[in-house]
Amino acid sequence: MTRYKAIISYDGRLFSGFQRQPGARTVQEEIEKTLSRLNSGKPVTIHGAGRTDAGVHAYGQVIHFDLPQTRDVEKLRFGLDTQCPDDISVVAVTLVSEDFHARYAKHSKTYEFLVDTGRPKNPMMRHYATAYPYPLDVEAMQEAIKDLVGTHDFTGFTAAGTAVDNKVRTITKATVEVAQKTGFLVFTFSGNGFLYKQVRNMVGTLLKIGNGRMPVSQIKTVLASKNRDLAGPTAAGNGLYLKEITYENELHTHHIRQ
């Protein structure tokens, strides 16, 4: 068997998330159906670097899969890209060693979150940015977001009932900027892993801080207390993008252009 690694992007709007689930349209199922067709009808299982929820988008999700023969990677990429549904794009395919695993090989993920602060909101972007048409102090959010950088127990920023026992994660980058072209707020988070709904909960808290309904120190309070009730609401998934995944043993990184 030959192992392949692929970088895929997708518009999450019409998907019930990445992971296969009965009776629902998922990214995993659509790609597996296409791979099966390219593999003479024999089933192929893909493994993703992480799961995205319903409505969440990706520029740089990484998957791996095995095929019984070695193929020209560009022909394979083109075949997948043209035969997958229009809301999935196969950006790159490379040959990898048999011990590579998209999920378990050490990697860093970068997420981006877009917030449309327009009054009125942009209706064309309603599935691709979360609308927040209220006053925001960007400088207060820029001050508060710094407290997320570092290694912390993020219990207070994950959804209740999360199955993972160890909620310690390291965030290497956390920024919020105003995009010049659109005026949208762009939150960026990079780290070695994120808990269920963690990014959306961090954004929801930062928006409350920006709106003056929580103090700038609230991030520290949530981290110290590990109390989800002290954090802000979960921001909607439509503004969330899995932007990039970088593996430790890679000599090169694929940058997905927007």
Protein backbone atom coordinates (compact mmCIF):
# COMPACT_ATOMS: atom_id res chain seq x y z
CA MET A 1 0.00 0.00 0.00
CA THR A 2 1.12 3.55 -0.73
CA ARG A 3 0.28 6.36 1.68
CA TYR A 4 -0.74 9.78 0.43
CA LYS A 5 -1.12 13.07 2.27
CA ALA A 6 -3.52 15.65 0.88
CA ILE A 7 -4.29 19.25 1.73
CA ILE A 8 -7.95 20.03 1.17
CA SER A 9 -10.09 23.11 1.48
CA TYR A 10 -13.86 23.20 1.77
CA ASP A 11 -16.83 25.44 2.20
CA GLY A 12 -18.44 24.06 5.35
CA ARG A 13 -21.87 25.62 4.82
CA LEU A 14 -23.66 22.51 3.52
CA PHE A 15 -21.71 19.97 5.56
CA SER A 16 -22.58 18.51 8.97
CA GLY A 17 -18.87 18.73 9.80
CA PHE A 18 -15.79 16.81 8.66
CA GLN A 19 -16.31 13.46 10.35
CA ARG A 20 -18.52 10.78 8.81
CA GLN A 21 -21.86 10.34 10.60
CA PRO A 22 -24.99 8.40 9.65
CA GLY A 23 -27.65 10.24 7.67
CA ALA A 24 -25.60 13.40 7.28
CA ARG A 25 -23.52 14.95 4.50
CA THR A 26 -19.88 15.15 5.62
CA VAL A 27 -16.54 16.05 4.06
CA GLN A 28 -15.07 12.66 4.96
CA GLU A 29 -17.87 10.73 3.29
CA GLU A 30 -17.74 12.77 0.07
CA ILE A 31 -13.97 12.34 -0.30
CA GLU A 32 -14.15 8.64 0.51
CA LYS A 33 -16.86 8.15 -2.14
CA THR A 34 -14.64 9.85 -4.73
CA LEU A 35 -11.55 7.87 -3.70
CA SER A 36 -13.52 4.64 -3.92
CA ARG A 37 -14.49 5.47 -7.51
CA LEU A 38 -10.82 6.13 -8.34
CA ASN A 39 -9.90 2.83 -6.64
CA SER A 40 -12.05 0.56 -8.85
CA GLY A 41 -14.97 0.73 -6.41
CA LYS A 42 -13.01 -0.61 -3.44
CA PRO A 43 -13.52 1.37 -0.22
CA VAL A 44 -10.85 3.82 0.96
CA THR A 45 -10.79 5.34 4.45
CA ILE A 46 -9.35 8.81 5.01
CA HIS A 47 -7.93 10.13 8.28
CA GLY A 48 -8.12 13.85 9.04
CA ALA A 49 -5.78 15.97 11.14
CA GLY A 50 -8.81 17.16 13.08
CA ARG A 51 -12.57 17.44 12.95
CA THR A 52 -14.42 20.59 12.04
CA ASP A 53 -18.00 21.15 13.15
CA ALA A 54 -21.06 21.80 11.02
CA GLY A 55 -20.72 25.03 9.04
CA VAL A 56 -16.99 25.44 9.74
CA HIS A 57 -14.69 26.00 6.76
CA ALA A 58 -11.13 24.96 5.91
CA TYR A 59 -8.34 26.27 3.70
CA GLY A 60 -5.74 23.78 4.85
CA GLN A 61 -7.24 20.63 6.36
CA VAL A 62 -4.85 17.67 6.04
CA ILE A 63 -5.87 14.06 5.41
CA HIS A 64 -4.04 10.84 4.64
CA PHE A 65 -5.18 7.66 2.90
CA ASP A 66 -3.71 4.47 1.42
CA LEU A 67 -4.06 3.14 -2.12
CA PRO A 68 -2.79 -0.22 -3.40
CA GLN A 69 -0.57 1.37 -6.05
CA THR A 70 1.75 4.35 -6.47
CA ARG A 71 0.20 6.99 -8.71
CA ASP A 72 1.32 10.25 -10.23
CA VAL A 73 0.42 12.68 -7.44
CA GLU A 74 -0.67 15.54 -9.70
CA LYS A 75 -2.94 13.24 -11.72
CA LEU A 76 -4.39 11.89 -8.47
CA ARG A 77 -4.89 15.42 -7.10
CA PHE A 78 -6.56 16.53 -10.35
CA GLY A 79 -8.81 13.45 -10.43
CA LEU A 80 -9.89 14.00 -6.83
CA ASP A 81 -10.32 17.74 -7.27
CA THR A 82 -12.49 17.44 -10.38
CA GLN A 83 -14.59 14.52 -9.13
CA CYS A 84 -15.22 15.76 -5.58
CA PRO A 85 -18.26 18.03 -5.09
CA ASP A 86 -17.82 21.72 -5.91
CA ASP A 87 -17.58 22.72 -2.25
CA ILE A 88 -14.40 20.63 -1.76
CA SER A 89 -11.04 21.48 -3.32
CA VAL A 90 -7.99 19.20 -3.29
CA VAL A 91 -5.08 21.62 -3.06
CA ALA A 92 -2.08 19.28 -2.97
CA VAL A 93 -1.26 15.56 -2.83
CA THR A 94 2.12 14.17 -1.79
CA LEU A 95 3.59 10.74 -1.15
CA VAL A 96 4.45 10.15 2.51
CA SER A 97 6.01 7.33 4.50
CA GLU A 98 3.75 4.58 5.81
CA ASP A 99 4.16 5.78 9.40
CA PHE A 100 2.79 9.28 8.67
CA HIS A 101 -0.55 9.91 10.36
CA ALA A 102 -2.45 13.14 9.71
CA ARG A 103 -3.86 13.22 13.23
CA TYR A 104 -1.11 11.73 15.39
CA ALA A 105 2.06 13.14 13.78
CA LYS A 106 3.11 16.23 15.77
CA HIS A 107 1.71 19.36 14.21
CA SER A 108 0.55 22.90 14.81
CA LYS A 109 -2.85 24.20 13.70
CA THR A 110 -3.82 27.74 12.78
CA TYR A 111 -7.44 28.85 12.91
CA GLU A 112 -8.87 32.10 11.64
CA PHE A 113 -12.18 33.62 12.70
CA LEU A 114 -13.90 36.38 10.71
CA VAL A 115 -16.36 38.80 12.29
CA ASP A 116 -18.48 41.16 10.19
CA THR A 117 -18.88 44.28 12.32
CA GLY A 118 -20.77 46.18 9.62
CA ARG A 119 -23.97 48.02 10.27
CA PRO A 120 -25.69 46.77 8.15
CA LYS A 121 -24.01 43.38 7.83
CA ASN A 122 -22.90 42.07 4.45
CA PRO A 123 -25.58 39.54 3.38
CA MET A 124 -23.20 37.90 0.87
CA MET A 125 -20.90 36.92 3.73
CA ARG A 126 -23.54 35.59 6.11
CA HIS A 127 -22.22 32.00 5.79
CA TYR A 128 -18.55 33.04 5.89
CA ALA A 129 -18.30 35.60 8.71
CA THR A 130 -20.15 35.95 12.01
CA ALA A 131 -22.14 39.17 12.21
CA TYR A 132 -21.56 41.37 15.28
CA PRO A 133 -23.00 44.85 14.56
CA TYR A 134 -22.28 46.31 18.00
CA PRO A 135 -19.63 48.79 19.18
CA LEU A 136 -16.22 47.20 19.76
CA ASP A 137 -13.03 48.47 21.36
CA VAL A 138 -10.42 46.69 19.23
CA GLU A 139 -7.55 47.84 21.46
CA ALA A 140 -9.18 46.26 24.53
CA MET A 141 -9.49 42.96 22.64
CA GLN A 142 -5.87 43.21 21.45
CA GLU A 143 -4.79 43.65 25.06
CA ALA A 144 -6.94 40.79 26.36
CA ILE A 145 -6.03 38.29 23.63
CA LYS A 146 -2.37 38.31 24.74
CA ASP A 147 -3.40 36.42 27.90
CA LEU A 148 -4.30 33.39 25.77
CA VAL A 149 -0.71 32.93 24.55
CA GLY A 150 1.27 30.25 26.38
CA THR A 151 0.52 26.89 27.97
CA HIS A 152 -2.72 26.91 29.93
CA ASP A 153 -5.52 24.66 31.12
CA PHE A 154 -8.32 25.75 28.77
CA THR A 155 -11.16 24.02 30.67
CA GLY A 156 -13.04 27.34 30.95
CA PHE A 157 -13.03 27.72 27.16
CA THR A 158 -14.26 24.29 26.14
CA ALA A 159 -17.81 22.96 25.82
CA ALA A 160 -19.25 21.24 28.88
CA GLY A 161 -18.97 17.47 28.76
CA THR A 162 -15.85 17.39 26.58
CA ALA A 163 -14.49 13.84 26.65
CA VAL A 164 -10.78 14.80 26.68
CA ASP A 165 -9.29 14.56 30.18
CA ASN A 166 -6.20 16.69 29.64
CA LYS A 167 -7.29 20.21 28.75
CA VAL A 168 -3.80 21.75 28.78
CA ARG A 169 -2.85 23.22 25.40
CA THR A 170 -0.20 25.63 24.15
CA ILE A 171 -1.16 28.66 22.05
CA THR A 172 1.81 30.18 20.22
CA LYS A 173 -0.03 33.02 18.49
CA ALA A 174 -3.25 34.90 19.27
CA THR A 175 -4.03 38.14 17.44
CA VAL A 176 -6.98 40.23 16.35
CA GLU A 177 -6.73 42.77 13.53
CA VAL A 178 -9.06 44.81 11.34
CA ALA A 179 -8.84 43.70 7.70
CA GLN A 180 -8.17 46.72 5.51
CA LYS A 181 -10.25 45.65 2.51
CA THR A 182 -13.40 44.45 4.28
CA GLY A 183 -13.25 46.09 7.69
CA PHE A 184 -13.90 42.63 9.16
CA LEU A 185 -12.23 41.61 12.40
CA VAL A 186 -9.77 38.76 11.84
CA PHE A 187 -8.87 36.62 14.86
CA THR A 188 -5.90 34.26 14.38
CA PHE A 189 -4.93 31.44 16.76
CA SER A 190 -2.03 29.01 16.34
CA GLY A 191 -1.27 26.15 18.72
CA ASN A 192 -0.52 22.48 19.25
CA GLY A 193 -4.18 21.55 19.54
CA PHE A 194 -7.57 23.01 20.37
CA LEU A 195 -10.41 21.64 22.47
CA TYR A 196 -13.99 21.25 21.32
CA LYS A 197 -15.43 24.71 20.54
CA GLN A 198 -12.38 26.35 22.20
CA VAL A 199 -11.73 28.87 19.42
CA ARG A 200 -15.39 29.87 19.20
CA ASN A 201 -15.59 30.31 22.99
CA MET A 202 -12.43 32.42 23.06
CA VAL A 203 -13.82 34.65 20.29
CA GLY A 204 -17.18 34.95 22.07
CA THR A 205 -15.39 36.07 25.24
CA LEU A 206 -13.18 38.57 23.38
CA LEU A 207 -16.21 40.11 21.67
CA LYS A 208 -17.84 40.64 25.07
CA ILE A 209 -14.64 42.30 26.28
CA GLY A 210 -14.59 44.48 23.16
CA ASN A 211 -18.20 45.45 23.78
CA GLY A 212 -17.39 46.52 27.34
CA ARG A 213 -19.53 43.84 28.98
CA MET A 214 -16.51 42.02 30.41
CA PRO A 215 -13.25 43.49 31.75
CA VAL A 216 -9.96 43.13 29.85
CA SER A 217 -8.82 40.81 32.66
CA GLN A 218 -11.64 38.31 31.95
CA ILE A 219 -9.39 35.95 29.96
CA LYS A 220 -7.13 35.55 33.00
CA THR A 221 -10.19 35.01 35.20
CA VAL A 222 -11.57 32.23 32.97
CA LEU A 223 -8.18 30.49 32.73
CA ALA A 224 -7.64 30.64 36.50
CA SER A 225 -11.18 29.59 37.48
CA LYS A 226 -11.57 26.89 34.75
CA ASN A 227 -15.24 27.92 34.84
CA ARG A 228 -17.03 27.90 31.47
CA ASP A 229 -19.83 30.05 32.92
CA LEU A 230 -17.41 32.98 33.29
CA ALA A 231 -16.52 32.96 29.57
CA GLY A 232 -18.59 34.55 26.82
CA PRO A 233 -21.08 32.81 24.55
CA THR A 234 -19.95 30.41 21.81
CA ALA A 235 -19.49 32.39 18.59
CA ALA A 236 -21.29 30.89 15.57
CA GLY A 237 -19.29 28.42 13.48
CA ASN A 238 -19.80 30.21 10.17
CA GLY A 239 -16.87 32.57 10.81
CA LEU A 240 -14.37 29.81 11.64
CA TYR A 241 -11.69 28.56 9.22
CA LEU A 242 -9.07 25.87 9.71
CA LYS A 243 -6.37 27.83 7.94
CA GLU A 244 -3.19 25.81 8.06
CA ILE A 245 -1.56 22.73 9.57
CA THR A 246 2.21 22.48 9.88
CA TYR A 247 3.90 19.17 10.70
CA GLU A 248 7.10 19.22 12.75
CA ASN A 249 9.04 16.95 10.43
CA GLU A 250 8.14 18.83 7.26
CA LEU A 251 10.83 20.82 5.54
CA HIS A 252 8.27 22.93 3.75
CA THR A 253 4.89 24.36 4.62
CA HIS A 254 2.00 24.74 2.23
CA HIS A 255 0.48 28.18 2.46
CA ILE A 256 -3.11 28.29 1.34
CA ARG A 257 -3.84 31.54 -0.40
CA GLN A 258 -7.18 33.19 0.23
